[in-house]
Amino acid sequence: MSQDTAPPKLRLDKWLWHARLFQTRGLAAQMVEGGKVRLNSRKINKPAQAVRSGDVLTVTLPGGVRVLRVLGLGTRRGPASEAQQLYEEIP
């Protein structure tokens, strides 16, 4: 696959921050490094891991475990209404 046809991707810590799952990007990185995030059922410990549309994330948060399908990558940390467009909750 050439560089031009590669699917868009974003760092996992950045996506978690854009999606407003964590208040800071640093906290998102700590949670990834601490094994609190799975990507497509695989435990991830590198915040720079690439995330793409269609990926499924399992995130352990203080309020419980959330399973999310990535719908978009986002370009910034916008308002909550914008962040909610980046994923769908999987029951």
N, C-alpha and C. Protein backbone atom coordinates (compact mmCIF):
# COMPACT_ATOMS: atom_id res chain seq x y z
N MET A 1 0.85 -1.17 0.00
CA MET A 1 0.00 0.00 0.00
C MET A 1 0.90 1.24 0.00
N SER A 2 0.70 2.12 -0.92
CA SER A 2 1.54 3.31 -0.99
C SER A 2 1.11 4.33 0.07
N GLN A 3 1.95 5.30 0.30
CA GLN A 3 1.69 6.34 1.29
C GLN A 3 0.37 7.07 0.98
N ASP A 4 0.05 7.26 -0.31
CA ASP A 4 -1.15 8.02 -0.70
C ASP A 4 -2.45 7.26 -0.42
N THR A 5 -2.40 5.93 -0.42
CA THR A 5 -3.64 5.16 -0.24
C THR A 5 -3.78 4.58 1.16
N ALA A 6 -2.84 4.86 2.04
CA ALA A 6 -2.93 4.35 3.41
C ALA A 6 -4.13 4.98 4.12
N PRO A 7 -4.88 4.17 4.88
CA PRO A 7 -6.02 4.75 5.60
C PRO A 7 -5.54 5.75 6.65
N PRO A 8 -6.31 6.79 6.89
CA PRO A 8 -5.92 7.78 7.90
C PRO A 8 -5.80 7.12 9.27
N LYS A 9 -4.88 7.61 10.07
CA LYS A 9 -4.69 7.07 11.41
C LYS A 9 -4.28 8.20 12.34
N LEU A 10 -4.39 7.92 13.65
CA LEU A 10 -4.06 8.92 14.67
C LEU A 10 -3.50 8.17 15.87
N ARG A 11 -2.61 8.81 16.61
CA ARG A 11 -2.07 8.21 17.84
C ARG A 11 -3.22 7.91 18.80
N LEU A 12 -3.13 6.79 19.48
CA LEU A 12 -4.17 6.37 20.42
C LEU A 12 -4.39 7.39 21.53
N ASP A 13 -3.32 7.88 22.14
CA ASP A 13 -3.48 8.85 23.23
C ASP A 13 -4.15 10.12 22.75
N LYS A 14 -3.83 10.55 21.54
CA LYS A 14 -4.44 11.75 20.97
C LYS A 14 -5.93 11.52 20.70
N TRP A 15 -6.28 10.34 20.17
CA TRP A 15 -7.68 10.05 19.89
C TRP A 15 -8.49 10.01 21.19
N LEU A 16 -7.96 9.36 22.22
CA LEU A 16 -8.66 9.29 23.51
C LEU A 16 -8.91 10.68 24.07
N TRP A 17 -7.96 11.57 23.87
CA TRP A 17 -8.08 12.96 24.34
C TRP A 17 -9.11 13.71 23.49
N HIS A 18 -9.03 13.55 22.15
CA HIS A 18 -10.00 14.20 21.25
C HIS A 18 -11.42 13.74 21.58
N ALA A 19 -11.58 12.46 21.91
CA ALA A 19 -12.90 11.90 22.21
C ALA A 19 -13.38 12.25 23.62
N ARG A 20 -12.57 12.99 24.36
CA ARG A 20 -12.90 13.47 25.70
C ARG A 20 -13.10 12.34 26.71
N LEU A 21 -12.37 11.25 26.54
CA LEU A 21 -12.42 10.19 27.52
C LEU A 21 -11.49 10.51 28.69
N PHE A 22 -10.49 11.36 28.44
CA PHE A 22 -9.56 11.80 29.47
C PHE A 22 -9.37 13.30 29.37
N GLN A 23 -9.14 13.95 30.52
CA GLN A 23 -9.01 15.41 30.54
C GLN A 23 -7.75 15.90 29.87
N THR A 24 -6.68 15.12 29.94
CA THR A 24 -5.42 15.54 29.33
C THR A 24 -4.87 14.42 28.47
N ARG A 25 -4.04 14.79 27.52
CA ARG A 25 -3.40 13.80 26.68
C ARG A 25 -2.41 12.98 27.50
N GLY A 26 -1.77 13.63 28.47
CA GLY A 26 -0.82 12.93 29.34
C GLY A 26 -1.50 11.84 30.15
N LEU A 27 -2.70 12.11 30.65
CA LEU A 27 -3.45 11.11 31.40
C LEU A 27 -3.86 9.96 30.48
N ALA A 28 -4.25 10.28 29.26
CA ALA A 28 -4.59 9.24 28.29
C ALA A 28 -3.37 8.34 28.04
N ALA A 29 -2.20 8.94 27.89
CA ALA A 29 -0.98 8.17 27.67
C ALA A 29 -0.68 7.28 28.88
N GLN A 30 -0.86 7.79 30.08
CA GLN A 30 -0.62 7.00 31.30
C GLN A 30 -1.55 5.79 31.36
N MET A 31 -2.79 5.98 31.00
CA MET A 31 -3.76 4.89 31.04
C MET A 31 -3.40 3.81 30.01
N VAL A 32 -2.95 4.24 28.83
CA VAL A 32 -2.53 3.27 27.82
C VAL A 32 -1.31 2.50 28.33
N GLU A 33 -0.32 3.22 28.85
CA GLU A 33 0.89 2.58 29.36
C GLU A 33 0.58 1.65 30.53
N GLY A 34 -0.45 1.97 31.30
CA GLY A 34 -0.84 1.16 32.44
C GLY A 34 -1.69 -0.05 32.08
N GLY A 35 -1.91 -0.27 30.79
CA GLY A 35 -2.67 -1.44 30.35
C GLY A 35 -4.17 -1.31 30.49
N LYS A 36 -4.68 -0.09 30.57
CA LYS A 36 -6.12 0.13 30.75
C LYS A 36 -6.89 0.23 29.44
N VAL A 37 -6.18 0.04 28.31
CA VAL A 37 -6.83 0.18 27.00
C VAL A 37 -6.48 -1.03 26.14
N ARG A 38 -7.51 -1.58 25.50
CA ARG A 38 -7.29 -2.66 24.52
C ARG A 38 -7.74 -2.14 23.15
N LEU A 39 -7.00 -2.53 22.14
CA LEU A 39 -7.31 -2.16 20.76
C LEU A 39 -7.58 -3.44 19.99
N ASN A 40 -8.82 -3.60 19.54
CA ASN A 40 -9.22 -4.82 18.83
C ASN A 40 -8.85 -6.06 19.64
N SER A 41 -9.17 -6.04 20.92
CA SER A 41 -8.96 -7.13 21.89
C SER A 41 -7.51 -7.34 22.31
N ARG A 42 -6.57 -6.55 21.78
CA ARG A 42 -5.16 -6.68 22.16
C ARG A 42 -4.80 -5.62 23.18
N LYS A 43 -4.14 -6.04 24.26
CA LYS A 43 -3.68 -5.07 25.26
C LYS A 43 -2.58 -4.22 24.62
N ILE A 44 -2.71 -2.92 24.78
CA ILE A 44 -1.77 -1.97 24.19
C ILE A 44 -1.08 -1.24 25.33
N ASN A 45 0.22 -1.00 25.20
CA ASN A 45 0.92 -0.21 26.22
C ASN A 45 1.75 0.92 25.62
N LYS A 46 1.51 1.20 24.34
CA LYS A 46 2.23 2.29 23.67
C LYS A 46 1.24 3.36 23.22
N PRO A 47 1.33 4.56 23.80
CA PRO A 47 0.41 5.63 23.44
C PRO A 47 0.47 6.04 21.96
N ALA A 48 1.58 5.74 21.30
CA ALA A 48 1.73 6.11 19.90
C ALA A 48 1.10 5.10 18.95
N GLN A 49 0.50 4.04 19.48
CA GLN A 49 -0.17 3.03 18.65
C GLN A 49 -1.21 3.73 17.76
N ALA A 50 -1.23 3.38 16.49
CA ALA A 50 -2.16 4.00 15.53
C ALA A 50 -3.57 3.46 15.71
N VAL A 51 -4.53 4.35 15.60
CA VAL A 51 -5.95 4.01 15.67
C VAL A 51 -6.58 4.43 14.34
N ARG A 52 -7.49 3.62 13.83
CA ARG A 52 -8.15 3.91 12.56
C ARG A 52 -9.66 3.76 12.72
N SER A 53 -10.41 4.32 11.81
CA SER A 53 -11.86 4.14 11.83
C SER A 53 -12.18 2.65 11.73
N GLY A 54 -13.14 2.21 12.52
CA GLY A 54 -13.53 0.81 12.53
C GLY A 54 -12.89 0.01 13.66
N ASP A 55 -11.81 0.53 14.25
CA ASP A 55 -11.18 -0.15 15.38
C ASP A 55 -12.13 -0.18 16.57
N VAL A 56 -11.96 -1.19 17.43
CA VAL A 56 -12.76 -1.29 18.65
C VAL A 56 -11.83 -1.13 19.84
N LEU A 57 -12.17 -0.19 20.72
CA LEU A 57 -11.38 0.08 21.91
C LEU A 57 -12.15 -0.36 23.15
N THR A 58 -11.46 -1.01 24.06
CA THR A 58 -12.01 -1.35 25.36
C THR A 58 -11.22 -0.54 26.37
N VAL A 59 -11.88 0.39 27.04
CA VAL A 59 -11.21 1.33 27.93
C VAL A 59 -11.73 1.15 29.34
N THR A 60 -10.80 0.94 30.29
CA THR A 60 -11.17 0.84 31.69
C THR A 60 -11.07 2.23 32.30
N LEU A 61 -12.21 2.74 32.72
CA LEU A 61 -12.30 4.07 33.33
C LEU A 61 -12.73 3.92 34.79
N PRO A 62 -12.55 4.96 35.60
CA PRO A 62 -13.00 4.87 37.00
C PRO A 62 -14.48 4.50 37.13
N GLY A 63 -15.31 4.90 36.18
CA GLY A 63 -16.73 4.61 36.24
C GLY A 63 -17.12 3.25 35.68
N GLY A 64 -16.16 2.51 35.15
CA GLY A 64 -16.44 1.20 34.57
C GLY A 64 -15.74 1.03 33.23
N VAL A 65 -16.04 -0.08 32.58
CA VAL A 65 -15.43 -0.40 31.30
C VAL A 65 -16.34 0.06 30.17
N ARG A 66 -15.74 0.71 29.16
CA ARG A 66 -16.51 1.13 27.98
C ARG A 66 -15.91 0.48 26.75
N VAL A 67 -16.78 0.01 25.86
CA VAL A 67 -16.35 -0.58 24.60
C VAL A 67 -16.85 0.36 23.51
N LEU A 68 -15.92 0.86 22.69
CA LEU A 68 -16.22 1.88 21.70
C LEU A 68 -15.72 1.49 20.32
N ARG A 69 -16.51 1.77 19.31
CA ARG A 69 -16.06 1.61 17.92
C ARG A 69 -15.67 3.00 17.42
N VAL A 70 -14.47 3.10 16.87
CA VAL A 70 -13.97 4.37 16.34
C VAL A 70 -14.69 4.67 15.03
N LEU A 71 -15.37 5.82 14.98
CA LEU A 71 -16.07 6.24 13.76
C LEU A 71 -15.30 7.29 12.99
N GLY A 72 -14.50 8.07 13.70
CA GLY A 72 -13.72 9.13 13.07
C GLY A 72 -12.51 9.45 13.92
N LEU A 73 -11.59 10.22 13.35
CA LEU A 73 -10.35 10.52 14.05
C LEU A 73 -10.34 11.90 14.68
N GLY A 74 -11.02 12.84 14.10
CA GLY A 74 -11.03 14.19 14.64
C GLY A 74 -9.72 14.91 14.34
N THR A 75 -9.78 16.22 14.35
CA THR A 75 -8.59 17.02 14.08
C THR A 75 -8.24 17.91 15.26
N ARG A 76 -9.14 17.92 16.26
CA ARG A 76 -8.90 18.76 17.43
C ARG A 76 -9.75 18.25 18.59
N ARG A 77 -9.48 18.79 19.76
CA ARG A 77 -10.31 18.49 20.94
C ARG A 77 -11.40 19.55 20.98
N GLY A 78 -12.53 19.21 20.44
CA GLY A 78 -13.63 20.17 20.37
C GLY A 78 -14.62 19.97 21.49
N PRO A 79 -15.81 20.53 21.34
CA PRO A 79 -16.84 20.38 22.36
C PRO A 79 -17.32 18.92 22.45
N ALA A 80 -17.99 18.61 23.55
CA ALA A 80 -18.45 17.24 23.79
C ALA A 80 -19.31 16.72 22.65
N SER A 81 -20.15 17.57 22.08
CA SER A 81 -21.02 17.13 20.99
C SER A 81 -20.20 16.68 19.78
N GLU A 82 -19.09 17.34 19.54
CA GLU A 82 -18.19 16.96 18.44
C GLU A 82 -17.45 15.67 18.79
N ALA A 83 -17.02 15.55 20.04
CA ALA A 83 -16.28 14.37 20.48
C ALA A 83 -17.14 13.11 20.36
N GLN A 84 -18.42 13.22 20.65
CA GLN A 84 -19.31 12.06 20.61
C GLN A 84 -19.51 11.54 19.19
N GLN A 85 -19.18 12.33 18.19
CA GLN A 85 -19.27 11.89 16.80
C GLN A 85 -18.12 10.98 16.41
N LEU A 86 -17.09 10.90 17.26
CA LEU A 86 -15.89 10.12 16.95
C LEU A 86 -16.04 8.64 17.26
N TYR A 87 -17.08 8.26 18.01
CA TYR A 87 -17.23 6.86 18.41
C TYR A 87 -18.69 6.51 18.63
N GLU A 88 -18.93 5.19 18.67
CA GLU A 88 -20.23 4.68 19.09
C GLU A 88 -19.99 3.67 20.20
N GLU A 89 -20.86 3.68 21.17
CA GLU A 89 -20.79 2.77 22.31
C GLU A 89 -21.28 1.39 21.86
N ILE A 90 -20.55 0.36 22.20
CA ILE A 90 -20.97 -1.02 21.90
C ILE A 90 -21.43 -1.64 23.22
N PRO A 91 -22.69 -2.07 23.28
CA PRO A 91 -23.21 -2.62 24.53
C PRO A 91 -22.57 -3.96 24.88
